[in-house]
Amino acid sequence: MITAIAGFFFVLLMVFVRVPIAIAMAVVGFVGFALLRDWMPALSLVGLVARTTVESYELSVVPLFILMGNFVSRAGISHDLYTASYAFVGHRKGGLAMATIVACGGFSAVCGSSLATAATMARVAAPPMKHYGYADTLAAGSIAAGGTLGILIPPSVILVLYGIITQTDIRALFMAGMVPGLLGAALYLAAIRWVVWRNPDAGPAGDRLATVKQFAALRGVWPMVLLFIIVIGGIYVGIFTPTESAGIGAFGALIFAVARRRLDWRSFMRVVVDTAVTTASLFMVLIGALIFANFINGTGMPAALTQWVTAGDMSPMVVLLLIVLVYLMLGCVLESMSMLLLTIPVFSGLVASLDFGLGPQETLIWFGIIVVVATEISLITPPIGMNVFTLSAMLPEISTRDIFRGVTPFWCADIVRLALLIAIPALSLFVPALL
């Protein structure tokens, strides 16, 4: 147990001195495993983990979903989504911010990346809100918060990685993310209403469009709707596996981008290179996390935690709340993907061993959604807040301090959603049960 705690300490120490998290986890995991076993088994472990990760068929879904998201961005669907959302709610107080949340939810449904969603919608939504005199806090806050929907609404890369690490059905995880994702969007809209109720000048109303123009604006979003139905609907009814669905989605997004004349050879190569770089970064972090997980398992920490909880006669719900508190604290200092990969190997086994009145698989699905929502909160909370710093780079005229002020109502809404998901597991498990 002490050895495992020392391992976590050294990983965090290396991260604080700006060592990349992938290298920090791999080095500590390798050295720790060598001290537990020997240097030759540790070298064999590194080679085995790297090879099996790269060759994994299940992990091939990751670059395909990333490729699909990049093609969707290139096709300009984000502009059409925002236009359609603005057509119906833009004339209300805070309507442009609401349109941003709706567009982020739709875009993330075919993109699967929070950072990509935030960066894309910053280009699309920030200029109109600035034109209508929106407060910088509300404009930046709605974009940063809306971007967090990208890691929960399927297809989600982070849910794929969680499913692979915990051996949980990825199809069920995708279905489980739908209701919490929609709930998150609804609570974000409520947060906007609260902001403009307190300060009407923060979100002036835009122009009202005629009914004919409102429905005309929907024509531009049919490719996204069709792509979502094919990708997620195919997984839901069992026509495709997640990997096959990702391949079909990437090809469909390519067709849309070509049909819209948004893709030439140079931009195609840029999309491919961006996908390769992003995939390589994720795989490096995953390989480092798996090496570190083997070290942690070798120390016996997961079994010791389970024994400690059992001996202490702690309520399963108390244990879950303590784990969530750990995630909220880690989210203040660690990037979301790294935080997930660092902790899931330890916590998933502990949670699966507790009796929540659910089956083991249902418990892991429910826990996965709770973890992802906690991770979403970490994307917009100080001092790290990756979505906040993405926006800070995209919108240099808005200070980081104003962005953090702007996201405060939204992460408060996320805390409400997290409490509801913990108290009512059916919110996460209802749709998977229909499978």
Protein backbone atom coordinates (compact mmCIF):
# COMPACT_ATOMS: atom_id res chain seq x y z
CA MET A 1 0.00 0.00 0.00
CA ILE A 2 2.75 2.46 0.96
CA THR A 3 4.65 1.53 -2.21
CA ALA A 4 1.60 2.35 -4.34
CA ILE A 5 1.07 5.69 -2.58
CA ALA A 6 4.75 6.52 -3.18
CA GLY A 7 4.22 5.70 -6.86
CA PHE A 8 1.31 8.16 -7.11
CA PHE A 9 3.38 10.78 -5.29
CA PHE A 10 6.27 10.48 -7.75
CA VAL A 11 3.92 10.64 -10.75
CA LEU A 12 2.34 13.85 -9.45
CA LEU A 13 5.78 15.26 -8.60
CA MET A 14 7.00 14.64 -12.15
CA VAL A 15 3.85 16.22 -13.58
CA PHE A 16 4.37 19.33 -11.44
CA VAL A 17 7.91 19.73 -12.80
CA ARG A 18 6.40 19.59 -16.34
CA VAL A 19 7.29 16.02 -17.29
CA PRO A 20 4.60 14.79 -19.74
CA ILE A 21 2.08 12.61 -17.93
CA ALA A 22 2.63 9.67 -20.32
CA ILE A 23 6.36 9.59 -19.56
CA ALA A 24 5.79 10.14 -15.82
CA MET A 25 3.41 7.17 -15.53
CA ALA A 26 5.59 4.94 -17.73
CA VAL A 27 8.83 5.70 -15.86
CA VAL A 28 7.33 5.32 -12.37
CA GLY A 29 5.46 2.18 -13.45
CA PHE A 30 8.58 0.65 -15.02
CA VAL A 31 10.91 1.43 -12.09
CA GLY A 32 8.30 0.41 -9.53
CA PHE A 33 7.58 -2.89 -11.28
CA ALA A 34 11.32 -3.56 -11.56
CA LEU A 35 11.77 -3.00 -7.83
CA LEU A 36 8.86 -5.33 -7.09
CA ARG A 37 9.88 -8.09 -9.53
CA ASP A 38 13.13 -7.55 -11.43
CA TRP A 39 14.49 -5.46 -14.30
CA MET A 40 14.03 -8.11 -17.02
CA PRO A 41 10.32 -8.69 -16.24
CA ALA A 42 9.88 -4.90 -16.19
CA LEU A 43 11.49 -4.56 -19.64
CA SER A 44 9.27 -7.37 -20.93
CA LEU A 45 6.23 -5.62 -19.48
CA VAL A 46 7.00 -2.38 -21.34
CA GLY A 47 7.42 -4.18 -24.66
CA LEU A 48 4.31 -6.31 -24.15
CA VAL A 49 2.07 -3.39 -23.15
CA ALA A 50 3.28 -1.21 -26.05
CA ARG A 51 2.80 -3.96 -28.62
CA THR A 52 -0.60 -5.19 -27.43
CA THR A 53 -1.93 -1.63 -27.14
CA VAL A 54 -0.90 -0.68 -30.67
CA GLU A 55 -2.20 -3.98 -32.09
CA SER A 56 -5.50 -3.89 -30.17
CA TYR A 57 -8.53 -4.21 -32.45
CA GLU A 58 -10.77 -2.56 -29.85
CA LEU A 59 -8.54 0.52 -29.75
CA SER A 60 -8.81 1.01 -33.52
CA VAL A 61 -12.10 2.75 -32.77
CA VAL A 62 -10.17 5.69 -31.28
CA PRO A 63 -8.39 7.01 -34.41
CA LEU A 64 -11.52 6.36 -36.49
CA PHE A 65 -13.74 8.49 -34.22
CA ILE A 66 -11.04 11.18 -34.12
CA LEU A 67 -10.85 11.09 -37.93
CA MET A 68 -14.64 11.37 -38.16
CA GLY A 69 -14.62 14.40 -35.87
CA ASN A 70 -11.88 16.10 -37.91
CA PHE A 71 -13.78 15.55 -41.16
CA VAL A 72 -16.97 16.88 -39.54
CA SER A 73 -15.10 20.02 -38.47
CA ARG A 74 -13.71 20.43 -41.97
CA ALA A 75 -17.20 20.01 -43.50
CA GLY A 76 -18.41 23.11 -41.66
CA ILE A 77 -21.34 21.35 -39.98
CA SER A 78 -20.69 23.35 -36.81
CA HIS A 79 -21.76 26.57 -38.60
CA ASP A 80 -25.02 24.97 -39.74
CA LEU A 81 -25.75 23.64 -36.25
CA TYR A 82 -25.24 27.06 -34.72
CA THR A 83 -27.38 28.72 -37.41
CA ALA A 84 -30.22 26.25 -36.84
CA SER A 85 -30.02 26.66 -33.06
CA TYR A 86 -29.93 30.45 -33.33
CA ALA A 87 -32.98 30.41 -35.62
CA PHE A 88 -35.16 29.00 -32.84
CA VAL A 89 -33.76 30.52 -29.62
CA GLY A 90 -31.58 33.45 -30.70
CA HIS A 91 -34.37 36.01 -30.21
CA ARG A 92 -34.58 35.27 -26.47
CA LYS A 93 -32.54 36.82 -23.67
CA GLY A 94 -29.35 34.79 -23.59
CA GLY A 95 -30.54 33.09 -26.78
CA LEU A 96 -27.16 33.12 -28.53
CA ALA A 97 -25.53 31.46 -25.52
CA MET A 98 -28.35 28.88 -25.52
CA ALA A 99 -27.80 28.31 -29.24
CA THR A 100 -24.14 27.73 -28.46
CA ILE A 101 -25.00 25.02 -25.91
CA VAL A 102 -27.40 23.29 -28.32
CA ALA A 103 -24.89 23.48 -31.17
CA CYS A 104 -22.10 22.16 -28.92
CA GLY A 105 -24.29 19.21 -27.94
CA GLY A 106 -25.05 18.42 -31.57
CA PHE A 107 -21.49 18.87 -32.74
CA SER A 108 -20.05 16.76 -29.94
CA ALA A 109 -22.43 13.98 -30.92
CA VAL A 110 -20.39 13.43 -34.07
CA CYS A 111 -17.07 14.79 -32.85
CA GLY A 112 -16.52 13.12 -29.47
CA SER A 113 -13.85 15.58 -28.30
CA SER A 114 -14.37 18.35 -25.76
CA LEU A 115 -11.33 20.39 -26.79
CA ALA A 116 -12.23 20.14 -30.50
CA THR A 117 -15.83 21.17 -29.75
CA ALA A 118 -14.74 24.18 -27.67
CA ALA A 119 -12.14 25.28 -30.23
CA THR A 120 -14.56 24.93 -33.16
CA MET A 121 -17.49 26.68 -31.49
CA ALA A 122 -15.20 29.52 -30.36
CA ARG A 123 -14.75 30.41 -34.03
CA VAL A 124 -18.46 30.03 -34.79
CA ALA A 125 -20.28 31.42 -31.75
CA ALA A 126 -17.97 34.09 -30.30
CA PRO A 127 -18.29 36.69 -33.16
CA PRO A 128 -22.15 36.82 -33.12
CA MET A 129 -22.23 37.12 -29.33
CA LYS A 130 -19.68 39.91 -29.47
CA HIS A 131 -21.73 41.63 -32.20
CA TYR A 132 -24.87 41.64 -30.02
CA GLY A 133 -23.00 42.94 -26.97
CA TYR A 134 -22.89 39.79 -24.84
CA ALA A 135 -20.81 39.93 -21.68
CA ASP A 136 -17.44 38.27 -22.18
CA THR A 137 -18.08 36.07 -19.13
CA LEU A 138 -21.33 34.61 -20.51
CA ALA A 139 -20.02 34.25 -24.07
CA ALA A 140 -16.82 32.46 -23.07
CA GLY A 141 -18.49 30.48 -20.28
CA SER A 142 -21.17 29.04 -22.57
CA ILE A 143 -18.59 27.95 -25.15
CA ALA A 144 -16.24 26.38 -22.58
CA ALA A 145 -19.10 24.59 -20.79
CA GLY A 146 -20.78 23.45 -24.01
CA GLY A 147 -17.51 21.93 -25.11
CA THR A 148 -17.50 19.58 -22.12
CA LEU A 149 -20.51 17.74 -23.59
CA GLY A 150 -18.10 16.28 -26.15
CA ILE A 151 -16.71 13.65 -23.79
CA LEU A 152 -20.09 12.25 -22.71
CA ILE A 153 -22.54 12.38 -25.61
CA PRO A 154 -21.70 9.37 -27.82
CA PRO A 155 -19.49 8.65 -29.62
CA SER A 156 -17.00 9.48 -26.86
CA VAL A 157 -13.32 8.57 -26.99
CA ILE A 158 -13.03 8.75 -23.20
CA LEU A 159 -15.87 6.22 -22.81
CA VAL A 160 -14.09 3.92 -25.27
CA LEU A 161 -10.92 4.02 -23.18
CA TYR A 162 -12.88 3.48 -19.96
CA GLY A 163 -14.64 0.49 -21.53
CA ILE A 164 -11.36 -1.06 -22.65
CA ILE A 165 -9.63 -0.58 -19.28
CA THR A 166 -12.56 -1.97 -17.27
CA GLN A 167 -13.68 -4.57 -19.84
CA THR A 168 -17.12 -2.92 -20.00
CA ASP A 169 -19.42 -3.07 -23.02
CA ILE A 170 -18.66 0.07 -25.06
CA ARG A 171 -22.06 -0.06 -26.75
CA ALA A 172 -23.78 0.04 -23.33
CA LEU A 173 -21.52 2.91 -22.21
CA PHE A 174 -22.47 4.93 -25.30
CA MET A 175 -26.17 4.38 -24.60
CA ALA A 176 -25.67 5.23 -20.92
CA GLY A 177 -24.18 8.61 -21.84
CA MET A 178 -27.22 9.84 -23.76
CA VAL A 179 -29.62 10.81 -20.94
CA PRO A 180 -26.87 12.36 -18.71
CA GLY A 181 -25.61 14.27 -21.76
CA LEU A 182 -29.07 15.69 -22.51
CA LEU A 183 -29.55 16.43 -18.80
CA GLY A 184 -26.27 18.34 -18.79
CA ALA A 185 -27.35 20.43 -21.79
CA ALA A 186 -30.70 21.20 -20.10
CA LEU A 187 -29.00 22.30 -16.88
CA TYR A 188 -26.59 24.49 -18.86
CA LEU A 189 -29.59 26.20 -20.49
CA ALA A 190 -31.05 26.74 -17.02
CA ALA A 191 -27.72 28.26 -15.90
CA ILE A 192 -27.89 30.74 -18.80
CA ARG A 193 -31.45 31.71 -17.85
CA TRP A 194 -30.24 32.31 -14.31
CA VAL A 195 -27.37 34.52 -15.50
CA VAL A 196 -29.58 36.71 -17.73
CA TRP A 197 -32.25 36.87 -14.99
CA ARG A 198 -29.64 38.36 -12.63
CA ASN A 199 -28.14 40.61 -15.31
CA PRO A 200 -30.31 41.09 -18.44
CA ASP A 201 -27.53 43.10 -20.12
CA ALA A 202 -25.24 40.04 -20.08
CA GLY A 203 -27.20 38.36 -22.90
CA PRO A 204 -29.23 40.74 -25.10
CA ALA A 205 -31.81 39.18 -27.40
CA GLY A 206 -30.93 38.71 -31.06
CA ASP A 207 -33.15 39.18 -34.11
CA ARG A 208 -36.31 37.08 -34.45
CA LEU A 209 -36.51 35.09 -37.69
CA ALA A 210 -39.69 34.31 -39.59
CA THR A 211 -41.06 30.77 -39.18
CA VAL A 212 -40.19 29.94 -42.78
CA LYS A 213 -36.56 30.92 -42.22
CA GLN A 214 -36.44 28.97 -38.97
CA PHE A 215 -37.34 25.72 -40.69
CA ALA A 216 -35.14 26.57 -43.67
CA ALA A 217 -32.20 26.71 -41.27
CA LEU A 218 -32.76 23.04 -40.43
CA ARG A 219 -31.77 21.98 -43.94
CA GLY A 220 -28.11 22.40 -43.14
CA VAL A 221 -28.10 19.99 -40.20
CA TRP A 222 -29.46 16.87 -41.91
CA PRO A 223 -25.95 15.49 -42.62
CA MET A 224 -25.14 15.59 -38.90
CA VAL A 225 -28.47 13.99 -37.96
CA LEU A 226 -28.03 11.28 -40.59
CA LEU A 227 -24.45 10.59 -39.49
CA PHE A 228 -25.49 10.34 -35.83
CA ILE A 229 -28.36 7.97 -36.65
CA ILE A 230 -26.11 5.73 -38.72
CA VAL A 231 -23.24 5.63 -36.19
CA ILE A 232 -25.16 5.41 -32.91
CA GLY A 233 -28.29 3.76 -34.31
CA GLY A 234 -26.17 1.07 -35.94
CA ILE A 235 -24.47 0.34 -32.62
CA TYR A 236 -27.76 0.40 -30.72
CA VAL A 237 -29.61 -2.12 -32.89
CA GLY A 238 -26.54 -4.33 -33.21
CA ILE A 239 -25.88 -3.88 -36.93
CA PHE A 240 -22.33 -2.62 -36.33
CA THR A 241 -19.73 -3.08 -33.65
CA PRO A 242 -18.36 0.22 -32.29
CA THR A 243 -15.22 -0.19 -34.44
CA GLU A 244 -17.22 -0.85 -37.61
CA SER A 245 -19.52 2.04 -36.78
CA ALA A 246 -16.53 4.36 -36.32
CA GLY A 247 -15.18 3.34 -39.73
CA ILE A 248 -18.54 3.98 -41.40
CA GLY A 249 -18.84 7.30 -39.58
CA ALA A 250 -15.37 8.42 -40.70
CA PHE A 251 -16.17 7.48 -44.30
CA GLY A 252 -19.56 9.25 -44.12
CA ALA A 253 -17.95 12.40 -42.72
CA LEU A 254 -15.40 12.27 -45.56
CA ILE A 255 -18.23 12.05 -48.13
CA PHE A 256 -20.00 15.04 -46.56
CA ALA A 257 -16.83 17.12 -46.54
CA VAL A 258 -16.13 16.29 -50.21
CA ALA A 259 -19.76 16.90 -51.23
CA ARG A 260 -19.66 20.33 -49.61
CA ARG A 261 -16.42 21.13 -51.42
CA ARG A 262 -14.68 21.82 -48.12
CA LEU A 263 -11.89 19.30 -48.69
CA ASP A 264 -8.97 19.52 -51.10
CA TRP A 265 -5.82 17.40 -51.09
CA ARG A 266 -3.92 19.75 -48.78
CA SER A 267 -6.70 19.94 -46.19
CA PHE A 268 -7.21 16.17 -46.45
CA MET A 269 -3.56 15.60 -45.56
CA ARG A 270 -3.84 18.09 -42.70
CA VAL A 271 -6.82 16.17 -41.31
CA VAL A 272 -4.93 12.88 -41.57
CA VAL A 273 -1.82 14.29 -39.90
CA ASP A 274 -3.86 15.91 -37.09
CA THR A 275 -5.63 12.60 -36.51
CA ALA A 276 -2.32 10.72 -36.41
CA VAL A 277 -0.78 13.20 -33.95
CA THR A 278 -3.82 13.14 -31.64
CA THR A 279 -4.03 9.34 -31.77
CA ALA A 280 -0.31 8.96 -31.04
CA SER A 281 -0.62 11.28 -28.03
CA LEU A 282 -3.58 9.31 -26.65
CA PHE A 283 -1.83 5.99 -27.19
CA MET A 284 1.31 7.24 -25.42
CA VAL A 285 -0.77 8.27 -22.41
CA LEU A 286 -2.65 4.95 -22.49
CA ILE A 287 0.57 2.89 -22.69
CA GLY A 288 2.06 4.84 -19.78
CA ALA A 289 -1.16 4.36 -17.78
CA LEU A 290 -1.22 0.60 -18.42
CA ILE A 291 2.42 0.22 -17.33
CA PHE A 292 1.65 2.19 -14.18
CA ALA A 293 -1.53 0.13 -13.61
CA ASN A 294 0.50 -3.09 -13.71
CA PHE A 295 2.79 -1.66 -11.06
CA ILE A 296 -0.17 -0.62 -8.88
CA ASN A 297 -1.76 -4.05 -9.24
CA GLY A 298 1.57 -5.62 -8.31
CA THR A 299 1.62 -3.69 -5.03
CA GLY A 300 -1.77 -5.16 -4.11
CA MET A 301 -3.31 -1.71 -3.59
CA PRO A 302 -6.74 -2.47 -5.19
CA ALA A 303 -7.17 -5.60 -3.04
CA ALA A 304 -5.96 -3.72 0.05
CA LEU A 305 -8.48 -0.93 -0.55
CA THR A 306 -11.30 -3.46 -0.91
CA GLN A 307 -10.19 -5.18 2.30
CA TRP A 308 -9.99 -1.86 4.14
CA VAL A 309 -13.48 -0.83 3.02
CA THR A 310 -14.91 -4.23 3.98
CA ALA A 311 -13.21 -4.26 7.39
CA GLY A 312 -14.34 -0.71 8.12
CA ASP A 313 -17.95 -1.62 7.31
CA MET A 314 -18.27 1.56 5.22
CA SER A 315 -21.42 2.18 3.23
CA PRO A 316 -20.91 1.70 -0.54
CA MET A 317 -22.42 5.13 -1.14
CA VAL A 318 -19.94 6.75 1.26
CA VAL A 319 -17.07 5.06 -0.60
CA LEU A 320 -18.45 6.32 -3.92
CA LEU A 321 -18.77 9.87 -2.61
CA LEU A 322 -15.17 9.77 -1.36
CA ILE A 323 -14.00 8.60 -4.80
CA VAL A 324 -15.95 11.42 -6.48
CA LEU A 325 -14.35 13.90 -4.05
CA VAL A 326 -10.92 12.58 -5.07
CA TYR A 327 -11.79 13.17 -8.74
CA LEU A 328 -12.99 16.71 -8.09
CA MET A 329 -9.77 17.48 -6.21
CA LEU A 330 -7.53 15.86 -8.84
CA GLY A 331 -9.39 17.76 -11.55
CA CYS A 332 -8.02 21.00 -10.13
CA VAL A 333 -4.43 19.96 -10.89
CA LEU A 334 -4.53 17.21 -13.57
CA GLU A 335 -5.70 17.09 -17.17
CA SER A 336 -8.90 15.04 -17.54
CA MET A 337 -7.66 12.15 -19.72
CA SER A 338 -4.57 11.66 -17.59
CA MET A 339 -6.63 11.75 -14.42
CA LEU A 340 -8.96 9.07 -15.76
CA LEU A 341 -6.24 6.71 -16.95
CA LEU A 342 -4.27 7.17 -13.74
CA THR A 343 -7.09 6.29 -11.37
CA ILE A 344 -9.55 3.95 -13.13
CA PRO A 345 -7.39 0.81 -12.68
CA VAL A 346 -7.51 1.40 -8.91
CA PHE A 347 -11.08 2.57 -8.37
CA SER A 348 -13.02 0.43 -10.87
CA GLY A 349 -12.21 -2.86 -9.14
CA LEU A 350 -13.10 -1.38 -5.75
CA VAL A 351 -16.47 -0.05 -6.96
CA ALA A 352 -17.30 -3.32 -8.75
CA SER A 353 -16.79 -5.21 -5.47
CA LEU A 354 -19.33 -3.07 -3.59
CA ASP A 355 -23.04 -3.82 -3.37
CA PHE A 356 -25.10 -0.98 -4.83
CA GLY A 357 -28.04 -3.25 -5.61
CA LEU A 358 -26.92 -3.44 -9.24
CA GLY A 359 -25.15 -6.14 -11.21
CA PRO A 360 -21.33 -5.89 -11.59
CA GLN A 361 -21.57 -4.76 -15.23
CA GLU A 362 -24.33 -2.23 -14.47
CA THR A 363 -22.26 -0.88 -11.55
CA LEU A 364 -19.25 -0.30 -13.83
CA ILE A 365 -21.45 1.40 -16.46
CA TRP A 366 -23.01 3.68 -13.84
CA PHE A 367 -19.61 4.43 -12.30
CA GLY A 368 -18.17 5.19 -15.74
CA ILE A 369 -20.78 7.87 -16.39
CA ILE A 370 -20.22 9.38 -12.92
CA VAL A 371 -16.46 9.47 -13.55
CA VAL A 372 -16.90 11.14 -16.95
CA VAL A 373 -19.22 13.80 -15.48
CA ALA A 374 -16.65 14.46 -12.74
CA THR A 375 -14.05 14.69 -15.50
CA GLU A 376 -16.26 17.19 -17.37
CA ILE A 377 -16.26 19.39 -14.28
CA SER A 378 -12.46 19.29 -14.23
CA LEU A 379 -12.40 20.68 -17.80
CA ILE A 380 -13.79 24.02 -16.61
CA THR A 381 -12.51 24.37 -13.04
CA PRO A 382 -9.37 26.28 -11.99
CA PRO A 383 -6.43 26.12 -12.04
CA ILE A 384 -6.10 23.66 -14.98
CA GLY A 385 -9.45 23.75 -16.87
CA MET A 386 -8.28 22.57 -20.30
CA ASN A 387 -11.35 24.00 -22.07
CA VAL A 388 -10.70 27.35 -20.42
CA PHE A 389 -7.12 27.49 -21.66
CA THR A 390 -8.22 26.33 -25.12
CA LEU A 391 -10.62 29.29 -25.25
CA SER A 392 -7.96 31.60 -23.85
CA ALA A 393 -5.79 30.72 -26.84
CA MET A 394 -8.68 31.03 -29.32
CA LEU A 395 -10.05 34.30 -27.82
CA PRO A 396 -7.03 36.25 -26.54
CA GLU A 397 -9.14 39.40 -26.09
CA ILE A 398 -10.98 37.70 -23.19
CA SER A 399 -8.93 37.23 -20.03
CA THR A 400 -8.56 33.81 -18.43
CA ARG A 401 -10.01 35.29 -15.24
CA ASP A 402 -13.21 36.32 -17.06
CA ILE A 403 -13.52 32.87 -18.62
CA PHE A 404 -13.24 31.20 -15.21
CA ARG A 405 -15.84 33.63 -13.85
CA GLY A 406 -18.09 32.83 -16.79
CA VAL A 407 -17.97 29.05 -16.30
CA THR A 408 -18.86 29.20 -12.58
CA PRO A 409 -22.66 28.86 -13.09
CA PHE A 410 -22.05 25.97 -15.45
CA TRP A 411 -19.88 23.87 -13.16
CA CYS A 412 -22.41 24.52 -10.40
CA ALA A 413 -25.02 23.04 -12.76
CA ASP A 414 -22.67 20.10 -13.29
CA ILE A 415 -22.50 19.50 -9.54
CA VAL A 416 -26.32 19.29 -9.52
CA ARG A 417 -26.21 16.80 -12.40
CA LEU A 418 -23.54 14.73 -10.66
CA ALA A 419 -25.67 14.56 -7.50
CA LEU A 420 -28.70 13.44 -9.53
CA LEU A 421 -26.73 10.73 -11.33
CA ILE A 422 -25.36 9.38 -8.04
CA ALA A 423 -28.78 9.44 -6.34
CA ILE A 424 -30.69 7.98 -9.32
CA PRO A 425 -28.66 5.29 -11.15
CA ALA A 426 -31.61 4.73 -13.53
CA LEU A 427 -30.72 8.01 -15.30
CA SER A 428 -27.60 6.28 -16.60
CA LEU A 429 -28.90 2.71 -16.85
CA PHE A 430 -32.35 3.23 -18.38
CA VAL A 431 -31.26 3.33 -22.03
CA PRO A 432 -28.70 0.48 -21.77
CA ALA A 433 -31.44 -1.65 -20.19
CA LEU A 434 -33.40 -1.31 -23.44
CA LEU A 435 -30.58 -3.17 -25.20
